[in-house]
Amino acid sequence: MRRHFLVPSALLMASSVVGAVACGGSSETEAPTTTSSSAGSGGNGGVGGDGTAGGGAGSAAHLPLTLVADIDLPGKSNRFDYQDIDTALGHLIIAHMNDASVLVVDLSDGSVLKLLPNIPVARGVIVADDAKRFFVTSSPNQLVIVDNAALTEIDRVDTGNGPDGVGWDPDDQTVGVSDQADGAVSLIGGAGSGARKDVPVGVETGNVVYDSARGLFWVTAVSATPPDQLVGIDPVAASVTTRIDLPGCDGAHGLRIHPDGKSALIACEGNATLARVDLDGAHAVFTAETGNGPDVLSVDPGLGWLYVAAESGDLTVFDIGQPGLVAIDHEHPADNAHTVAVDPATHRVFFPLSSGPNGTPVLRIMRPAET
């Protein structure tokens, strides 16, 4: 197995890009880099002051990222998509979207443990350790269920059309699938083996995540009439409970919940923007620039950093332990580095690339200095 060692160039950004809008349309908070047209009620965008994801834990770590290794991956030189980490088993699970396969690699060294074939347009991935399985969305309308220890396929069940993101609700043992082409979410009980309920939310859906504090699935939804929305769904009642407008966000897609549970982070792929929205109160929205076509988001809770990977291959890193959105790094891991995952235990960052130094797929492993 070949390993290629390089150190990428990077441009360190220390500027803050913070624009806050109260979603009710009645207030806006001015920031140094933003022009405000009205007086504002402000808010801190759900920033935690309890040290849950602050910069203190990672004060010795610093950017830019440095290369650990490029690990050769099997399959064709074409698009990868989402990833998830099975922390209990030490696995990284990667959807090789246009190779109709899923790779399971060892977190410790990137070596390939298993290739699961014949999964057309593999996209979303989520680990459900408590159910001893992981889930992968597959077009045109399926959810693939895999035993996460044996790494063998258990079953395939129907979803809506064009399934993309996938979330796991351990409280109700329910899988949430964003049926992108339908603008809906499929809720599948029984750890993926039960009945499916369909919940329409918009004209197109992006990612879906479970919020254990509120007992909701959140999903990004493109609306027929702007603005796009973040939609809350009750997994038991299979109904929409909350709709939060996202002014300044075009093409709401990627989604993560802040480690403190107070705000959501959303990749707006249509206008190269990251949005941060307070999940309570007036739902203040902060926005900041990213690379073109922001797609996959990954959070390092120990360092309090959010990684935003874009279709352009650009990576923007935000310090989400600070109010609003503060960009602390911008670099270019590779032209095809549009998907990212971070191991919270080691702080190493993973980019599966369709084309590495030799033109074949590699897993690029990087890390912040002093970690």
Protein backbone atom coordinates (compact mmCIF):
# COMPACT_ATOMS: atom_id res chain seq x y z
CA MET A 1 0.00 0.00 0.00
CA ARG A 2 1.57 3.21 -1.19
CA ARG A 3 1.70 6.29 1.00
CA HIS A 4 2.55 9.73 -0.39
CA PHE A 5 3.66 12.39 2.08
CA LEU A 6 3.09 16.04 1.23
CA VAL A 7 2.48 19.29 3.07
CA PRO A 8 -0.27 21.43 1.48
CA SER A 9 -0.14 25.17 1.28
CA ALA A 10 -2.79 27.11 3.16
CA LEU A 11 -4.02 30.59 3.74
CA LEU A 12 -4.78 31.24 7.39
CA MET A 13 -7.85 33.35 7.96
CA ALA A 14 -8.39 35.14 11.23
CA SER A 15 -11.26 37.35 10.12
CA SER A 16 -14.78 37.21 11.51
CA VAL A 17 -17.71 37.18 9.09
CA VAL A 18 -20.87 37.57 11.14
CA GLY A 19 -24.30 38.67 9.92
CA ALA A 20 -27.27 38.01 12.18
CA VAL A 21 -30.90 38.13 11.17
CA ALA A 22 -33.91 37.36 13.33
CA CYS A 23 -36.04 35.01 11.25
CA GLY A 24 -39.26 36.77 12.12
CA GLY A 25 -38.03 39.54 9.82
CA SER A 26 -38.24 42.15 12.54
CA SER A 27 -34.63 42.55 13.59
CA GLU A 28 -31.07 42.32 12.42
CA THR A 29 -27.81 42.56 14.35
CA GLU A 30 -24.95 44.53 12.86
CA ALA A 31 -21.41 43.16 12.81
CA PRO A 32 -18.17 44.86 11.77
CA THR A 33 -18.15 43.20 8.34
CA THR A 34 -21.86 43.54 7.65
CA THR A 35 -24.12 46.43 6.81
CA SER A 36 -27.34 46.39 8.81
CA SER A 37 -30.55 48.04 7.63
CA SER A 38 -32.42 47.92 10.93
CA ALA A 39 -31.83 47.89 14.66
CA GLY A 40 -31.48 44.40 16.03
CA SER A 41 -32.26 42.19 18.96
CA GLY A 42 -29.05 40.28 18.37
CA GLY A 43 -28.57 36.97 20.08
CA ASN A 44 -25.49 34.83 19.97
CA GLY A 45 -26.59 32.24 17.43
CA GLY A 46 -26.72 29.49 20.02
CA VAL A 47 -23.12 29.76 21.11
CA GLY A 48 -22.38 27.72 24.17
CA GLY A 49 -20.62 29.43 27.02
CA ASP A 50 -20.31 26.25 29.04
CA GLY A 51 -17.04 25.06 27.49
CA THR A 52 -18.72 22.20 25.62
CA ALA A 53 -17.02 23.07 22.37
CA GLY A 54 -14.81 26.03 23.14
CA GLY A 55 -11.27 26.64 22.05
CA GLY A 56 -9.75 25.83 25.44
CA ALA A 57 -9.57 22.08 24.88
CA GLY A 58 -7.55 22.57 21.74
CA SER A 59 -5.53 25.65 22.62
CA ALA A 60 -2.28 23.87 21.66
CA ALA A 61 -3.63 22.75 18.28
CA HIS A 62 -3.28 25.10 15.35
CA LEU A 63 -3.87 25.35 11.63
CA PRO A 64 -3.27 24.91 8.75
CA LEU A 65 -3.64 21.15 8.44
CA THR A 66 -0.60 19.04 7.62
CA LEU A 67 -0.64 15.81 5.66
CA VAL A 68 -0.30 12.52 7.52
CA ALA A 69 -0.63 10.19 4.51
CA ASP A 70 -2.47 9.37 1.31
CA ILE A 71 -3.79 5.81 1.48
CA ASP A 72 -4.70 4.04 -1.75
CA LEU A 73 -8.38 3.14 -2.08
CA PRO A 74 -9.96 0.56 -4.40
CA GLY A 75 -12.51 1.36 -7.08
CA LYS A 76 -12.92 3.79 -9.92
CA SER A 77 -11.62 7.35 -9.95
CA ASN A 78 -14.97 9.01 -9.46
CA ARG A 79 -17.08 10.78 -6.88
CA PHE A 80 -17.21 9.94 -3.17
CA ASP A 81 -19.94 11.34 -0.94
CA TYR A 82 -20.78 11.27 2.77
CA GLN A 83 -18.84 9.60 5.58
CA ASP A 84 -19.48 8.62 9.17
CA ILE A 85 -17.27 7.38 11.99
CA ASP A 86 -18.03 4.32 14.09
CA THR A 87 -16.13 5.36 17.19
CA ALA A 88 -16.87 2.13 19.08
CA LEU A 89 -15.35 -0.09 16.40
CA GLY A 90 -12.76 2.36 15.07
CA HIS A 91 -14.16 2.41 11.55
CA LEU A 92 -14.58 5.14 8.96
CA ILE A 93 -17.43 4.41 6.54
CA ILE A 94 -17.25 6.12 3.14
CA ALA A 95 -19.88 6.20 0.40
CA HIS A 96 -18.15 5.78 -2.98
CA MET A 97 -21.12 7.30 -4.73
CA ASN A 98 -20.30 6.83 -8.41
CA ASP A 99 -18.61 3.47 -7.91
CA ALA A 100 -21.80 1.96 -6.44
CA SER A 101 -19.98 0.86 -3.31
CA VAL A 102 -19.25 1.60 0.34
CA LEU A 103 -15.80 1.37 1.92
CA VAL A 104 -15.07 0.58 5.56
CA VAL A 105 -11.57 1.61 6.60
CA ASP A 106 -9.58 1.42 9.81
CA LEU A 107 -9.45 4.77 11.58
CA SER A 108 -5.99 4.07 12.94
CA ASP A 109 -4.19 3.77 9.62
CA GLY A 110 -6.72 4.15 6.79
CA SER A 111 -6.37 0.56 5.63
CA VAL A 112 -9.41 -0.89 3.85
CA LEU A 113 -11.31 -3.47 5.91
CA LYS A 114 -14.23 -4.12 3.58
CA LEU A 115 -15.71 -3.05 0.27
CA LEU A 116 -19.48 -3.45 0.04
CA PRO A 117 -20.42 -3.60 -3.68
CA ASN A 118 -23.60 -3.11 -5.70
CA ILE A 119 -24.98 -0.10 -3.82
CA PRO A 120 -26.04 2.26 -6.64
CA VAL A 121 -25.42 5.97 -6.02
CA ALA A 122 -24.39 5.44 -2.39
CA ARG A 123 -24.77 8.81 -0.67
CA GLY A 124 -25.76 9.29 2.98
CA VAL A 125 -24.17 7.21 5.76
CA ILE A 126 -25.03 7.02 9.46
CA VAL A 127 -23.80 4.67 12.20
CA ALA A 128 -26.26 3.27 14.77
CA ASP A 129 -23.95 1.57 17.27
CA ASP A 130 -26.77 0.84 19.69
CA ALA A 131 -28.59 -1.09 16.94
CA LYS A 132 -25.34 -2.75 15.79
CA ARG A 133 -25.77 -1.53 12.24
CA PHE A 134 -25.16 1.34 9.88
CA PHE A 135 -27.33 2.72 7.10
CA VAL A 136 -26.56 3.88 3.55
CA THR A 137 -28.93 5.63 1.14
CA SER A 138 -28.98 4.31 -2.42
CA SER A 139 -30.77 5.47 -5.55
CA PRO A 140 -33.30 5.29 -6.94
CA ASN A 141 -35.20 4.61 -3.68
CA GLN A 142 -33.52 2.35 -1.13
CA LEU A 143 -31.94 2.26 2.31
CA VAL A 144 -29.21 -0.35 2.74
CA ILE A 145 -28.85 -1.82 6.25
CA VAL A 146 -25.45 -3.24 7.21
CA ASP A 147 -24.27 -5.16 10.29
CA ASN A 148 -21.55 -2.82 11.59
CA ALA A 149 -19.44 -5.57 13.21
CA ALA A 150 -19.72 -8.37 10.62
CA LEU A 151 -19.74 -5.77 7.81
CA THR A 152 -22.37 -7.76 5.95
CA GLU A 153 -25.58 -6.53 4.39
CA ILE A 154 -28.73 -7.21 6.41
CA ASP A 155 -31.48 -5.85 4.18
CA ARG A 156 -32.63 -3.21 1.71
CA VAL A 157 -35.86 -1.31 2.27
CA ASP A 158 -37.77 1.25 0.25
CA THR A 159 -37.48 5.02 0.69
CA GLY A 160 -38.79 7.90 -1.37
CA ASN A 161 -37.10 9.06 -4.58
CA GLY A 162 -33.48 10.19 -4.73
CA PRO A 163 -32.52 9.52 -1.09
CA ASP A 164 -29.61 11.65 0.10
CA GLY A 165 -28.92 12.32 3.79
CA VAL A 166 -29.75 9.89 6.58
CA GLY A 167 -30.13 10.33 10.35
CA TRP A 168 -30.58 7.99 13.32
CA ASP A 169 -32.96 8.43 16.25
CA PRO A 170 -31.78 6.04 19.00
CA ASP A 171 -34.64 7.04 21.30
CA ASP A 172 -37.34 5.76 18.95
CA GLN A 173 -35.15 3.39 16.90
CA THR A 174 -36.13 5.31 13.78
CA VAL A 175 -34.15 6.11 10.62
CA GLY A 176 -34.78 9.45 8.91
CA VAL A 177 -34.01 9.61 5.19
CA SER A 178 -34.09 12.84 3.21
CA ASP A 179 -35.80 11.92 -0.06
CA GLN A 180 -34.23 14.73 -2.03
CA ALA A 181 -36.22 14.35 -5.25
CA ASP A 182 -39.54 14.26 -3.37
CA GLY A 183 -38.82 17.14 -1.00
CA ALA A 184 -39.77 14.82 1.83
CA VAL A 185 -38.40 12.74 4.69
CA SER A 186 -38.97 9.00 5.11
CA LEU A 187 -39.26 7.82 8.71
CA ILE A 188 -38.56 4.11 9.01
CA GLY A 189 -39.14 2.50 12.40
CA GLY A 190 -37.80 -0.73 13.85
CA ALA A 191 -34.17 0.30 13.26
CA GLY A 192 -34.87 0.45 9.54
CA SER A 193 -36.93 -2.73 9.36
CA GLY A 194 -40.35 -1.28 10.20
CA ALA A 195 -43.05 0.65 8.39
CA ARG A 196 -42.18 3.80 6.42
CA LYS A 197 -43.98 7.12 6.92
CA ASP A 198 -43.54 9.99 4.47
CA VAL A 199 -43.36 13.63 5.65
CA PRO A 200 -43.35 16.35 2.91
CA VAL A 201 -41.28 19.44 3.83
CA GLY A 202 -40.38 21.38 0.64
CA VAL A 203 -39.43 21.04 -3.00
CA GLU A 204 -36.04 19.45 -2.23
CA THR A 205 -34.44 18.10 0.92
CA GLY A 206 -30.78 17.96 1.89
CA ASN A 207 -29.44 16.46 5.11
CA VAL A 208 -31.30 15.17 8.15
CA VAL A 209 -29.98 14.88 11.74
CA TYR A 210 -31.53 13.85 15.04
CA ASP A 211 -31.70 16.30 17.93
CA SER A 212 -31.83 14.23 21.13
CA ALA A 213 -32.46 17.26 23.35
CA ARG A 214 -35.68 18.15 21.53
CA GLY A 215 -36.63 14.68 20.28
CA LEU A 216 -36.79 15.93 16.68
CA PHE A 217 -35.31 15.27 13.30
CA TRP A 218 -34.07 18.46 11.65
CA VAL A 219 -33.88 18.56 7.85
CA THR A 220 -32.73 21.25 5.43
CA ALA A 221 -35.40 22.08 2.87
CA VAL A 222 -35.35 24.14 -0.30
CA SER A 223 -38.62 26.07 -0.50
CA ALA A 224 -40.70 26.85 -3.58
CA THR A 225 -40.52 30.50 -2.51
CA PRO A 226 -37.41 31.80 -0.68
CA PRO A 227 -36.13 31.64 1.94
CA ASP A 228 -35.10 28.03 2.41
CA GLN A 229 -35.92 26.47 5.75
CA LEU A 230 -34.73 24.26 8.55
CA VAL A 231 -37.65 21.96 9.38
CA GLY A 232 -38.25 20.06 12.62
CA ILE A 233 -40.09 16.72 12.45
CA ASP A 234 -41.58 14.69 15.29
CA PRO A 235 -40.40 11.11 14.56
CA VAL A 236 -43.29 9.50 16.46
CA ALA A 237 -46.16 11.60 15.11
CA ALA A 238 -44.46 11.84 11.68
CA SER A 239 -45.42 15.49 11.43
CA VAL A 240 -43.72 18.87 11.03
CA THR A 241 -43.50 20.77 14.31
CA THR A 242 -41.18 23.67 13.44
CA ARG A 243 -40.19 25.71 10.40
CA ILE A 244 -37.30 28.15 10.68
CA ASP A 245 -36.64 30.55 7.80
CA LEU A 246 -33.03 30.86 6.65
CA PRO A 247 -32.61 34.32 5.07
CA GLY A 248 -29.36 34.60 3.16
CA CYS A 249 -29.14 30.84 2.56
CA ASP A 250 -29.68 29.62 -1.01
CA GLY A 251 -29.78 25.84 -1.49
CA ALA A 252 -29.83 24.68 2.14
CA HIS A 253 -28.17 21.28 2.16
CA GLY A 254 -25.44 20.14 4.59
CA LEU A 255 -26.42 20.10 8.26
CA ARG A 256 -24.88 19.61 11.69
CA ILE A 257 -26.05 20.43 15.20
CA HIS A 258 -23.63 22.43 17.37
CA PRO A 259 -22.20 20.27 20.18
CA ASP A 260 -23.94 22.45 22.76
CA GLY A 261 -27.29 21.72 21.08
CA LYS A 262 -28.27 25.38 20.86
CA SER A 263 -27.77 26.05 17.15
CA ALA A 264 -27.66 24.35 13.77
CA LEU A 265 -24.98 24.78 11.10
CA ILE A 266 -26.09 24.66 7.48
CA ALA A 267 -24.21 24.55 4.18
CA CYS A 268 -25.94 26.74 1.58
CA GLU A 269 -24.62 25.31 -1.65
CA GLY A 270 -26.31 27.81 -3.97
CA ASN A 271 -24.53 30.91 -2.69
CA ALA A 272 -21.28 29.66 -1.09
CA THR A 273 -22.49 30.37 2.42
CA LEU A 274 -22.52 28.80 5.85
CA ALA A 275 -25.51 29.64 8.03
CA ARG A 276 -25.77 29.27 11.79
CA VAL A 277 -29.26 29.43 13.25
CA ASP A 278 -30.37 29.58 16.87
CA LEU A 279 -32.76 26.71 17.51
CA ASP A 280 -34.57 28.56 20.28
CA GLY A 281 -35.83 32.08 20.82
CA ALA A 282 -36.00 34.39 17.80
CA HIS A 283 -33.99 31.98 15.61
CA ALA A 284 -31.25 34.50 14.79
CA VAL A 285 -29.33 33.54 11.66
CA PHE A 286 -25.63 34.28 11.09
CA THR A 287 -24.00 33.78 7.68
CA ALA A 288 -20.39 33.62 6.44
CA GLU A 289 -18.64 32.89 3.15
CA THR A 290 -17.25 29.46 2.24
CA GLY A 291 -15.77 27.85 -0.85
CA ASN A 292 -18.04 27.45 -3.87
CA GLY A 293 -20.67 24.75 -3.41
CA PRO A 294 -20.32 23.97 0.32
CA ASP A 295 -21.42 20.41 0.86
CA VAL A 296 -20.22 18.27 3.76
CA LEU A 297 -19.82 19.53 7.33
CA SER A 298 -17.90 17.87 10.15
CA VAL A 299 -17.43 19.01 13.75
CA ASP A 300 -14.46 18.43 16.05
CA PRO A 301 -16.16 18.96 19.43
CA GLY A 302 -12.92 18.84 21.42
CA LEU A 303 -11.32 21.68 19.47
CA GLY A 304 -14.58 23.50 18.86
CA TRP A 305 -13.96 23.61 15.12
CA LEU A 306 -16.33 23.15 12.20
CA TYR A 307 -14.90 21.93 8.89
CA VAL A 308 -16.82 22.98 5.75
CA ALA A 309 -15.81 21.14 2.58
CA ALA A 310 -16.92 22.55 -0.76
CA GLU A 311 -17.32 21.27 -4.32
CA SER A 312 -14.51 23.66 -5.31
CA GLY A 313 -12.13 21.59 -3.15
CA ASP A 314 -11.80 24.47 -0.71
CA LEU A 315 -11.98 23.89 3.04
CA THR A 316 -13.10 26.57 5.49
CA VAL A 317 -12.69 26.06 9.24
CA PHE A 318 -14.78 27.97 11.78
CA ASP A 319 -14.25 28.40 15.51
CA ILE A 320 -17.79 27.61 16.69
CA GLY A 321 -16.87 28.21 20.32
CA GLN A 322 -17.14 31.92 19.53
CA PRO A 323 -20.29 33.94 18.89
CA GLY A 324 -21.66 34.00 15.36
CA LEU A 325 -19.32 32.58 12.72
CA VAL A 326 -15.57 33.15 12.95
CA ALA A 327 -13.44 31.72 10.15
CA ILE A 328 -9.99 30.66 11.34
CA ASP A 329 -8.60 28.84 8.30
CA HIS A 330 -9.08 28.46 4.57
CA GLU A 331 -7.15 25.97 2.48
CA HIS A 332 -7.38 23.67 -0.52
CA PRO A 333 -6.77 19.99 0.41
CA ALA A 334 -7.40 18.87 -3.20
CA ASP A 335 -9.49 19.78 -6.22
CA ASN A 336 -11.97 16.97 -5.44
CA ALA A 337 -12.05 17.29 -1.64
CA HIS A 338 -15.75 18.03 -1.26
CA THR A 339 -16.36 15.57 1.61
CA VAL A 340 -14.77 15.64 5.06
CA ALA A 341 -14.89 13.69 8.33
CA VAL A 342 -13.00 14.26 11.57
CA ASP A 343 -12.08 11.73 14.25
CA PRO A 344 -12.91 13.41 17.58
CA ALA A 345 -10.45 11.20 19.47
CA THR A 346 -7.35 12.01 17.39
CA HIS A 347 -8.50 15.23 15.61
CA ARG A 348 -7.35 13.71 12.32
CA VAL A 349 -9.30 14.83 9.25
CA PHE A 350 -10.23 12.55 6.35
CA PHE A 351 -10.77 13.44 2.69
CA PRO A 352 -11.56 10.58 0.27
CA LEU A 353 -10.35 11.79 -3.13
CA SER A 354 -11.43 10.44 -6.49
CA SER A 355 -7.99 11.25 -7.86
CA GLY A 356 -4.80 11.36 -5.79
CA PRO A 357 -1.20 12.08 -6.87
CA ASN A 358 -1.18 9.08 -9.22
CA GLY A 359 -4.65 9.65 -10.64
CA THR A 360 -6.27 6.89 -8.57
CA PRO A 361 -8.50 7.13 -5.48
CA VAL A 362 -6.84 7.86 -2.14
CA LEU A 363 -7.89 8.63 1.40
CA ARG A 364 -6.06 11.82 2.36
CA ILE A 365 -5.46 11.94 6.12
CA MET A 366 -4.50 15.30 7.63
CA ARG A 367 -4.19 16.78 11.10
CA PRO A 368 -3.80 20.11 12.86
CA ALA A 369 -0.32 20.75 14.22
CA GLU A 370 0.33 19.77 17.86
CA THR A 371 -2.35 17.06 17.90
